[in-house]
PDB file of N, CA and C in Angstrom:
ATOM      1  N   UNK A   1      14.580   2.903  10.083  1.00  0.00           N
ATOM      2  CA  UNK A   1      13.230   3.089   9.612  1.00  0.00           C
ATOM      3  C   UNK A   1      13.187   4.188   8.573  1.00  0.00           C
ATOM      4  N   UNK A   2      12.273   4.053   7.646  1.00  0.00           N
ATOM      5  CA  UNK A   2      12.081   5.036   6.595  1.00  0.00           C
ATOM      6  C   UNK A   2      10.870   5.875   6.956  1.00  0.00           C
ATOM      7  N   UNK A   3      11.030   7.186   7.005  1.00  0.00           N
ATOM      8  CA  UNK A   3       9.930   8.090   7.324  1.00  0.00           C
ATOM      9  C   UNK A   3       9.572   8.825   6.047  1.00  0.00           C
ATOM     10  N   UNK A   4       8.287   8.956   5.785  1.00  0.00           N
ATOM     11  CA  UNK A   4       7.872   9.618   4.562  1.00  0.00           C
ATOM     12  C   UNK A   4       6.689  10.524   4.820  1.00  0.00           C
ATOM     13  N   UNK A   5       6.452  11.431   3.906  1.00  0.00           N
ATOM     14  CA  UNK A   5       5.286  12.308   3.959  1.00  0.00           C
ATOM     15  C   UNK A   5       4.723  12.463   2.566  1.00  0.00           C
ATOM     16  N   UNK A   6       3.420  12.485   2.435  1.00  0.00           N
ATOM     17  CA  UNK A   6       2.770  12.632   1.150  1.00  0.00           C
ATOM     18  C   UNK A   6       1.750  13.751   1.269  1.00  0.00           C
ATOM     19  N   UNK A   7       1.779  14.685   0.360  1.00  0.00           N
ATOM     20  CA  UNK A   7       0.819  15.784   0.368  1.00  0.00           C
ATOM     21  C   UNK A   7      -0.402  15.367  -0.430  1.00  0.00           C
ATOM     22  N   UNK A   8      -1.534  15.289   0.247  1.00  0.00           N
ATOM     23  CA  UNK A   8      -2.780  14.889  -0.407  1.00  0.00           C
ATOM     24  C   UNK A   8      -3.866  15.874  -0.030  1.00  0.00           C
ATOM     25  N   UNK A   9      -4.487  16.465  -1.020  1.00  0.00           N
ATOM     26  CA  UNK A   9      -5.603  17.385  -0.793  1.00  0.00           C
ATOM     27  C   UNK A   9      -5.260  18.444   0.244  1.00  0.00           C
ATOM     28  N   UNK A  10      -4.033  18.932   0.200  1.00  0.00           N
ATOM     29  CA  UNK A  10      -3.633  19.992   1.116  1.00  0.00           C
ATOM     30  C   UNK A  10      -3.323  19.538   2.518  1.00  0.00           C
ATOM     31  N   UNK A  11      -3.347  18.219   2.786  1.00  0.00           N
ATOM     32  CA  UNK A  11      -3.063  17.689   4.112  1.00  0.00           C
ATOM     33  C   UNK A  11      -1.809  16.831   4.015  1.00  0.00           C
ATOM     34  N   UNK A  12      -0.827  17.095   4.841  1.00  0.00           N
ATOM     35  CA  UNK A  12       0.381  16.291   4.851  1.00  0.00           C
ATOM     36  C   UNK A  12       0.168  15.097   5.762  1.00  0.00           C
ATOM     37  N   UNK A  13       0.254  13.915   5.206  1.00  0.00           N
ATOM     38  CA  UNK A  13       0.118  12.684   5.991  1.00  0.00           C
ATOM     39  C   UNK A  13       1.500  12.071   6.116  1.00  0.00           C
ATOM     40  N   UNK A  14       1.926  11.786   7.317  1.00  0.00           N
ATOM     41  CA  UNK A  14       3.249  11.211   7.548  1.00  0.00           C
ATOM     42  C   UNK A  14       3.105   9.840   8.164  1.00  0.00           C
ATOM     43  N   UNK A  15       4.086   9.016   7.915  1.00  0.00           N
ATOM     44  CA  UNK A  15       4.059   7.686   8.487  1.00  0.00           C
ATOM     45  C   UNK A  15       5.434   7.082   8.488  1.00  0.00           C
ATOM     46  N   UNK A  16       5.527   5.908   9.056  1.00  0.00           N
ATOM     47  CA  UNK A  16       6.788   5.188   9.141  1.00  0.00           C
ATOM     48  C   UNK A  16       6.593   3.821   8.517  1.00  0.00           C
ATOM     49  N   UNK A  17       7.510   3.438   7.651  1.00  0.00           N
ATOM     50  CA  UNK A  17       7.463   2.126   7.033  1.00  0.00           C
ATOM     51  C   UNK A  17       8.406   1.216   7.800  1.00  0.00           C
ATOM     52  N   UNK A  18       7.923   0.076   8.299  1.00  0.00           N
ATOM     53  CA  UNK A  18       8.800  -0.834   9.029  1.00  0.00           C
ATOM     54  C   UNK A  18       9.935  -1.335   8.135  1.00  0.00           C
ATOM     55  N   UNK A  19      11.046  -1.693   8.748  1.00  0.00           N
ATOM     56  CA  UNK A  19      12.220  -2.144   8.002  1.00  0.00           C
ATOM     57  C   UNK A  19      11.881  -3.304   7.071  1.00  0.00           C
ATOM     58  N   UNK A  20      10.974  -4.192   7.490  1.00  0.00           N
ATOM     59  CA  UNK A  20      10.618  -5.343   6.653  1.00  0.00           C
ATOM     60  C   UNK A  20       9.967  -4.915   5.347  1.00  0.00           C
ATOM     61  N   UNK A  21       9.266  -3.808   5.343  1.00  0.00           N
ATOM     62  CA  UNK A  21       8.598  -3.331   4.131  1.00  0.00           C
ATOM     63  C   UNK A  21       9.543  -2.538   3.245  1.00  0.00           C
ATOM     64  N   UNK A  22      10.655  -2.043   3.799  1.00  0.00           N
ATOM     65  CA  UNK A  22      11.588  -1.265   3.002  1.00  0.00           C
ATOM     66  C   UNK A  22      12.178  -2.102   1.873  1.00  0.00           C
ATOM     67  N   UNK A  23      12.288  -3.394   2.064  1.00  0.00           N
ATOM     68  CA  UNK A  23      12.857  -4.255   1.041  1.00  0.00           C
ATOM     69  C   UNK A  23      11.963  -4.356  -0.188  1.00  0.00           C
ATOM     70  N   UNK A  24      10.714  -3.893  -0.093  1.00  0.00           N
ATOM     71  CA  UNK A  24       9.812  -3.903  -1.238  1.00  0.00           C
ATOM     72  C   UNK A  24      10.167  -2.824  -2.248  1.00  0.00           C
ATOM     73  N   UNK A  25      10.959  -1.839  -1.837  1.00  0.00           N
ATOM     74  CA  UNK A  25      11.335  -0.712  -2.693  1.00  0.00           C
ATOM     75  C   UNK A  25      10.093  -0.005  -3.212  1.00  0.00           C
ATOM     76  N   UNK A  26       9.207   0.343  -2.313  1.00  0.00           N
ATOM     77  CA  UNK A  26       7.975   1.018  -2.687  1.00  0.00           C
ATOM     78  C   UNK A  26       8.263   2.451  -3.109  1.00  0.00           C
ATOM     79  N   UNK A  27       7.882   2.826  -4.310  1.00  0.00           N
ATOM     80  CA  UNK A  27       8.115   4.195  -4.736  1.00  0.00           C
ATOM     81  C   UNK A  27       7.174   5.177  -4.055  1.00  0.00           C
ATOM     82  N   UNK A  28       5.971   4.746  -3.692  1.00  0.00           N
ATOM     83  CA  UNK A  28       5.034   5.656  -3.061  1.00  0.00           C
ATOM     84  C   UNK A  28       3.984   4.874  -2.292  1.00  0.00           C
ATOM     85  N   UNK A  29       3.737   5.280  -1.061  1.00  0.00           N
ATOM     86  CA  UNK A  29       2.598   4.783  -0.298  1.00  0.00           C
ATOM     87  C   UNK A  29       1.799   6.001   0.087  1.00  0.00           C
ATOM     88  N   UNK A  30       0.570   6.054  -0.353  1.00  0.00           N
ATOM     89  CA  UNK A  30      -0.273   7.197  -0.049  1.00  0.00           C
ATOM     90  C   UNK A  30      -1.112   6.874   1.175  1.00  0.00           C
ATOM     91  N   UNK A  31      -1.106   7.774   2.141  1.00  0.00           N
ATOM     92  CA  UNK A  31      -1.898   7.593   3.350  1.00  0.00           C
ATOM     93  C   UNK A  31      -2.998   8.628   3.413  1.00  0.00           C
ATOM     94  N   UNK A  32      -4.073   8.282   4.078  1.00  0.00           N
ATOM     95  CA  UNK A  32      -5.117   9.237   4.389  1.00  0.00           C
ATOM     96  C   UNK A  32      -5.141   9.402   5.894  1.00  0.00           C
ATOM     97  N   UNK A  33      -5.792  10.436   6.364  1.00  0.00           N
ATOM     98  CA  UNK A  33      -5.763  10.753   7.793  1.00  0.00           C
ATOM     99  C   UNK A  33      -6.249   9.625   8.686  1.00  0.00           C
ATOM    100  N   UNK A  34      -7.221   8.838   8.247  1.00  0.00           N
ATOM    101  CA  UNK A  34      -7.825   7.835   9.113  1.00  0.00           C
ATOM    102  C   UNK A  34      -7.273   6.427   8.887  1.00  0.00           C
ATOM    103  N   UNK A  35      -6.095   6.297   8.319  1.00  0.00           N
ATOM    104  CA  UNK A  35      -5.535   4.976   8.046  1.00  0.00           C
ATOM    105  C   UNK A  35      -5.361   4.169   9.336  1.00  0.00           C
ATOM    106  N   UNK A  36      -5.203   4.835  10.480  1.00  0.00           N
ATOM    107  CA  UNK A  36      -5.033   4.163  11.758  1.00  0.00           C
ATOM    108  C   UNK A  36      -6.240   3.384  12.231  1.00  0.00           C
ATOM    109  N   UNK A  37      -7.402   3.619  11.648  1.00  0.00           N
ATOM    110  CA  UNK A  37      -8.596   2.910  12.080  1.00  0.00           C
ATOM    111  C   UNK A  37      -8.660   1.492  11.516  1.00  0.00           C
ATOM    112  N   UNK A  38      -7.771   1.146  10.614  1.00  0.00           N
ATOM    113  CA  UNK A  38      -7.775  -0.174   9.990  1.00  0.00           C
ATOM    114  C   UNK A  38      -6.639  -1.036  10.538  1.00  0.00           C
ATOM    115  N   UNK A  39      -6.903  -2.333  10.769  1.00  0.00           N
ATOM    116  CA  UNK A  39      -5.857  -3.208  11.297  1.00  0.00           C
ATOM    117  C   UNK A  39      -4.762  -3.535  10.279  1.00  0.00           C
ATOM    118  N   UNK A  40      -5.039  -3.401   8.991  1.00  0.00           N
ATOM    119  CA  UNK A  40      -4.056  -3.684   7.946  1.00  0.00           C
ATOM    120  C   UNK A  40      -3.385  -2.369   7.544  1.00  0.00           C
ATOM    121  N   UNK A  41      -2.065  -2.297   7.717  1.00  0.00           N
ATOM    122  CA  UNK A  41      -1.291  -1.103   7.357  1.00  0.00           C
ATOM    123  C   UNK A  41      -1.007  -1.118   5.850  1.00  0.00           C
ATOM    124  N   UNK A  42      -0.693   0.046   5.263  1.00  0.00           N
ATOM    125  CA  UNK A  42      -0.373   0.087   3.831  1.00  0.00           C
ATOM    126  C   UNK A  42       0.775  -0.852   3.456  1.00  0.00           C
ATOM    127  N   UNK A  43       1.791  -0.934   4.306  1.00  0.00           N
ATOM    128  CA  UNK A  43       2.925  -1.810   4.007  1.00  0.00           C
ATOM    129  C   UNK A  43       2.501  -3.287   4.019  1.00  0.00           C
ATOM    130  N   UNK A  44       1.564  -3.635   4.915  1.00  0.00           N
ATOM    131  CA  UNK A  44       1.052  -5.007   4.957  1.00  0.00           C
ATOM    132  C   UNK A  44       0.225  -5.306   3.711  1.00  0.00           C
ATOM    133  N   UNK A  45      -0.580  -4.331   3.277  1.00  0.00           N
ATOM    134  CA  UNK A  45      -1.375  -4.508   2.056  1.00  0.00           C
ATOM    135  C   UNK A  45      -0.464  -4.729   0.861  1.00  0.00           C
ATOM    136  N   UNK A  46       0.666  -4.021   0.822  1.00  0.00           N
ATOM    137  CA  UNK A  46       1.627  -4.187  -0.272  1.00  0.00           C
ATOM    138  C   UNK A  46       2.182  -5.608  -0.295  1.00  0.00           C
ATOM    139  N   UNK A  47       2.529  -6.145   0.865  1.00  0.00           N
ATOM    140  CA  UNK A  47       3.070  -7.507   0.960  1.00  0.00           C
ATOM    141  C   UNK A  47       2.007  -8.526   0.549  1.00  0.00           C
ATOM    142  N   UNK A  48       0.784  -8.343   1.025  1.00  0.00           N
ATOM    143  CA  UNK A  48      -0.317  -9.262   0.691  1.00  0.00           C
ATOM    144  C   UNK A  48      -0.541  -9.278  -0.815  1.00  0.00           C
ATOM    145  N   UNK A  49      -0.610  -8.095  -1.432  1.00  0.00           N
ATOM    146  CA  UNK A  49      -0.845  -8.008  -2.874  1.00  0.00           C
ATOM    147  C   UNK A  49       0.310  -8.620  -3.653  1.00  0.00           C
ATOM    148  N   UNK A  50       1.543  -8.297  -3.247  1.00  0.00           N
ATOM    149  CA  UNK A  50       2.731  -8.824  -3.935  1.00  0.00           C
ATOM    150  C   UNK A  50       2.771 -10.342  -3.849  1.00  0.00           C
ATOM    151  N   UNK A  51       2.413 -10.898  -2.703  1.00  0.00           N
ATOM    152  CA  UNK A  51       2.394 -12.349  -2.538  1.00  0.00           C
ATOM    153  C   UNK A  51       1.323 -13.016  -3.398  1.00  0.00           C
ATOM    154  N   UNK A  52       0.261 -12.270  -3.721  1.00  0.00           N
ATOM    155  CA  UNK A  52      -0.822 -12.855  -4.523  1.00  0.00           C
ATOM    156  C   UNK A  52      -0.508 -12.860  -6.018  1.00  0.00           C
ATOM    157  N   UNK A  53       0.526 -12.121  -6.418  1.00  0.00           N
ATOM    158  CA  UNK A  53       0.920 -12.065  -7.829  1.00  0.00           C
ATOM    159  C   UNK A  53       2.423 -12.357  -7.904  1.00  0.00           C
ATOM    160  N   UNK A  54       2.804 -13.619  -8.076  1.00  0.00           N
ATOM    161  CA  UNK A  54       4.218 -13.994  -8.083  1.00  0.00           C
ATOM    162  C   UNK A  54       5.026 -13.200  -9.125  1.00  0.00           C
ATOM    163  N   UNK A  55       6.205 -12.773  -8.717  1.00  0.00           N
ATOM    164  CA  UNK A  55       7.106 -12.058  -9.619  1.00  0.00           C
ATOM    165  C   UNK A  55       6.772 -10.598  -9.823  1.00  0.00           C
ATOM    166  N   UNK A  56       5.839 -10.075  -9.035  1.00  0.00           N
ATOM    167  CA  UNK A  56       5.408  -8.691  -9.220  1.00  0.00           C
ATOM    168  C   UNK A  56       6.240  -7.721  -8.401  1.00  0.00           C
ATOM    169  N   UNK A  57       6.153  -6.456  -8.789  1.00  0.00           N
ATOM    170  CA  UNK A  57       6.813  -5.359  -8.076  1.00  0.00           C
ATOM    171  C   UNK A  57       5.735  -4.329  -7.719  1.00  0.00           C
ATOM    172  N   UNK A  58       5.722  -3.872  -6.473  1.00  0.00           N
ATOM    173  CA  UNK A  58       4.725  -2.904  -6.022  1.00  0.00           C
ATOM    174  C   UNK A  58       5.082  -1.517  -6.554  1.00  0.00           C
ATOM    175  N   UNK A  59       4.134  -0.871  -7.210  1.00  0.00           N
ATOM    176  CA  UNK A  59       4.328   0.482  -7.717  1.00  0.00           C
ATOM    177  C   UNK A  59       3.661   1.531  -6.846  1.00  0.00           C
ATOM    178  N   UNK A  60       2.499   1.200  -6.273  1.00  0.00           N
ATOM    179  CA  UNK A  60       1.725   2.193  -5.533  1.00  0.00           C
ATOM    180  C   UNK A  60       0.729   1.492  -4.609  1.00  0.00           C
ATOM    181  N   UNK A  61       0.454   2.111  -3.472  1.00  0.00           N
ATOM    182  CA  UNK A  61      -0.563   1.635  -2.537  1.00  0.00           C
ATOM    183  C   UNK A  61      -1.422   2.833  -2.160  1.00  0.00           C
ATOM    184  N   UNK A  62      -2.736   2.701  -2.330  1.00  0.00           N
ATOM    185  CA  UNK A  62      -3.638   3.808  -2.008  1.00  0.00           C
ATOM    186  C   UNK A  62      -4.850   3.273  -1.259  1.00  0.00           C
ATOM    187  N   UNK A  63      -5.184   3.918  -0.129  1.00  0.00           N
ATOM    188  CA  UNK A  63      -6.383   3.545   0.620  1.00  0.00           C
ATOM    189  C   UNK A  63      -7.564   4.294   0.038  1.00  0.00           C
ATOM    190  N   UNK A  64      -8.542   3.546  -0.443  1.00  0.00           N
ATOM    191  CA  UNK A  64      -9.749   4.133  -1.013  1.00  0.00           C
ATOM    192  C   UNK A  64     -10.750   4.439   0.093  1.00  0.00           C
ATOM    193  N   UNK A  65     -11.669   5.361  -0.144  1.00  0.00           N
ATOM    194  CA  UNK A  65     -12.677   5.703   0.870  1.00  0.00           C
ATOM    195  C   UNK A  65     -13.515   4.508   1.322  1.00  0.00           C
ATOM    196  N   UNK A  66     -13.585   3.475   0.502  1.00  0.00           N
ATOM    197  CA  UNK A  66     -14.378   2.283   0.841  1.00  0.00           C
ATOM    198  C   UNK A  66     -13.683   1.380   1.859  1.00  0.00           C
ATOM    199  N   UNK A  67     -12.436   1.715   2.262  1.00  0.00           N
ATOM    200  CA  UNK A  67     -11.717   0.880   3.214  1.00  0.00           C
ATOM    201  C   UNK A  67     -10.987  -0.274   2.554  1.00  0.00           C
ATOM    202  N   UNK A  68     -10.648  -0.088   1.295  1.00  0.00           N
ATOM    203  CA  UNK A  68      -9.924  -1.094   0.524  1.00  0.00           C
ATOM    204  C   UNK A  68      -8.663  -0.435  -0.030  1.00  0.00           C
ATOM    205  N   UNK A  69      -7.532  -1.141   0.070  1.00  0.00           N
ATOM    206  CA  UNK A  69      -6.299  -0.647  -0.539  1.00  0.00           C
ATOM    207  C   UNK A  69      -6.266  -1.060  -2.002  1.00  0.00           C
ATOM    208  N   UNK A  70      -5.980  -0.117  -2.882  1.00  0.00           N
ATOM    209  CA  UNK A  70      -5.727  -0.405  -4.287  1.00  0.00           C
ATOM    210  C   UNK A  70      -4.215  -0.467  -4.433  1.00  0.00           C
ATOM    211  N   UNK A  71      -3.693  -1.651  -4.700  1.00  0.00           N
ATOM    212  CA  UNK A  71      -2.253  -1.854  -4.820  1.00  0.00           C
ATOM    213  C   UNK A  71      -1.937  -2.071  -6.296  1.00  0.00           C
ATOM    214  N   UNK A  72      -1.130  -1.179  -6.849  1.00  0.00           N
ATOM    215  CA  UNK A  72      -0.735  -1.269  -8.245  1.00  0.00           C
ATOM    216  C   UNK A  72       0.577  -2.038  -8.329  1.00  0.00           C
ATOM    217  N   UNK A  73       0.578  -3.077  -9.177  1.00  0.00           N
ATOM    218  CA  UNK A  73       1.733  -3.958  -9.326  1.00  0.00           C
ATOM    219  C   UNK A  73       2.200  -3.993 -10.777  1.00  0.00           C
ATOM    220  N   UNK A  74       3.488  -4.191 -10.948  1.00  0.00           N
ATOM    221  CA  UNK A  74       4.046  -4.398 -12.286  1.00  0.00           C
ATOM    222  C   UNK A  74       4.509  -5.840 -12.371  1.00  0.00           C
ATOM    223  N   UNK A  75       4.082  -6.528 -13.421  1.00  0.00           N
ATOM    224  CA  UNK A  75       4.468  -7.917 -13.652  1.00  0.00           C
ATOM    225  C   UNK A  75       4.969  -7.994 -15.086  1.00  0.00           C
ATOM    226  N   UNK A  76       6.269  -8.182 -15.229  1.00  0.00           N
ATOM    227  CA  UNK A  76       6.832  -8.175 -16.579  1.00  0.00           C
ATOM    228  C   UNK A  76       6.588  -6.809 -17.211  1.00  0.00           C
ATOM    229  N   UNK A  77       5.922  -6.786 -18.343  1.00  0.00           N
ATOM    230  CA  UNK A  77       5.607  -5.526 -19.018  1.00  0.00           C
ATOM    231  C   UNK A  77       4.196  -5.043 -18.750  1.00  0.00           C
ATOM    232  N   UNK A  78       3.483  -5.696 -17.844  1.00  0.00           N
ATOM    233  CA  UNK A  78       2.089  -5.346 -17.564  1.00  0.00           C
ATOM    234  C   UNK A  78       1.937  -4.695 -16.194  1.00  0.00           C
ATOM    235  N   UNK A  79       0.914  -3.875 -16.076  1.00  0.00           N
ATOM    236  CA  UNK A  79       0.551  -3.272 -14.794  1.00  0.00           C
ATOM    237  C   UNK A  79      -0.827  -3.800 -14.420  1.00  0.00           C
ATOM    238  N   UNK A  80      -0.974  -4.221 -13.172  1.00  0.00           N
ATOM    239  CA  UNK A  80      -2.251  -4.738 -12.689  1.00  0.00           C
ATOM    240  C   UNK A  80      -2.562  -4.137 -11.328  1.00  0.00           C
ATOM    241  N   UNK A  81      -3.803  -4.198 -10.929  1.00  0.00           N
ATOM    242  CA  UNK A  81      -4.207  -3.670  -9.630  1.00  0.00           C
ATOM    243  C   UNK A  81      -4.865  -4.775  -8.821  1.00  0.00           C
ATOM    244  N   UNK A  82      -4.441  -4.874  -7.561  1.00  0.00           N
ATOM    245  CA  UNK A  82      -5.016  -5.849  -6.623  1.00  0.00           C
ATOM    246  C   UNK A  82      -5.662  -5.055  -5.498  1.00  0.00           C
ATOM    247  N   UNK A  83      -6.856  -5.454  -5.125  1.00  0.00           N
ATOM    248  CA  UNK A  83      -7.579  -4.799  -4.054  1.00  0.00           C
ATOM    249  C   UNK A  83      -7.427  -5.639  -2.780  1.00  0.00           C
ATOM    250  N   UNK A  84      -7.008  -4.960  -1.680  1.00  0.00           N
ATOM    251  CA  UNK A  84      -6.803  -5.633  -0.395  1.00  0.00           C
ATOM    252  C   UNK A  84      -7.680  -4.957   0.641  1.00  0.00           C
ATOM    253  N   UNK A  85      -8.565  -5.736   1.275  1.00  0.00           N
ATOM    254  CA  UNK A  85      -9.450  -5.200   2.292  1.00  0.00           C
ATOM    255  C   UNK A  85      -8.628  -4.724   3.491  1.00  0.00           C
ATOM    256  N   UNK A  86      -8.814  -3.467   3.901  1.00  0.00           N
ATOM    257  CA  UNK A  86      -8.027  -2.864   4.984  1.00  0.00           C
ATOM    258  C   UNK A  86      -8.415  -3.389   6.359  1.00  0.00           C
ATOM    259  N   UNK A  87      -9.541  -4.088   6.447  1.00  0.00           N
ATOM    260  CA  UNK A  87      -9.978  -4.649   7.729  1.00  0.00           C
ATOM    261  C   UNK A  87      -9.557  -6.108   7.872  1.00  0.00           C
ATOM    262  N   UNK A  88      -9.748  -6.893   6.814  1.00  0.00           N
ATOM    263  CA  UNK A  88      -9.479  -8.326   6.905  1.00  0.00           C
ATOM    264  C   UNK A  88      -8.187  -8.771   6.210  1.00  0.00           C
ATOM    265  N   UNK A  89      -7.697  -7.978   5.284  1.00  0.00           N
ATOM    266  CA  UNK A  89      -6.526  -8.369   4.505  1.00  0.00           C
ATOM    267  C   UNK A  89      -6.872  -9.271   3.333  1.00  0.00           C
ATOM    268  N   UNK A  90      -8.160  -9.503   3.117  1.00  0.00           N
ATOM    269  CA  UNK A  90      -8.586 -10.361   2.009  1.00  0.00           C
ATOM    270  C   UNK A  90      -8.318  -9.695   0.662  1.00  0.00           C
ATOM    271  N   UNK A  91      -7.875 -10.483  -0.305  1.00  0.00           N
ATOM    272  CA  UNK A  91      -7.638  -9.998  -1.657  1.00  0.00           C
ATOM    273  C   UNK A  91      -8.926 -10.137  -2.437  1.00  0.00           C
ATOM    274  N   UNK A  92      -9.323  -9.055  -3.097  1.00  0.00           N
ATOM    275  CA  UNK A  92     -10.551  -9.104  -3.899  1.00  0.00           C
ATOM    276  C   UNK A  92     -10.265  -8.739  -5.337  1.00  0.00           C
TER     277      UNK A  92
END
């Protein structure tokens, strides 16, 4: 398992990425303190977003205060953002 920590607003948030998500080669997953209240984990949001954009590479995953993950993807020479609902997993 890969263990990581991200310093955000003076608070260190730590988490564990399951082995299945390690193959995504995520450079950064940002967590907030209350990420546990959502059924969709950051690593799951990354997989959902990546699956919605064929051939993409995940660059960043961030949980917004609205309860939606903003997943930044690179496709070829372009960067795009996919929004994944942290409660339902729906792509918006």
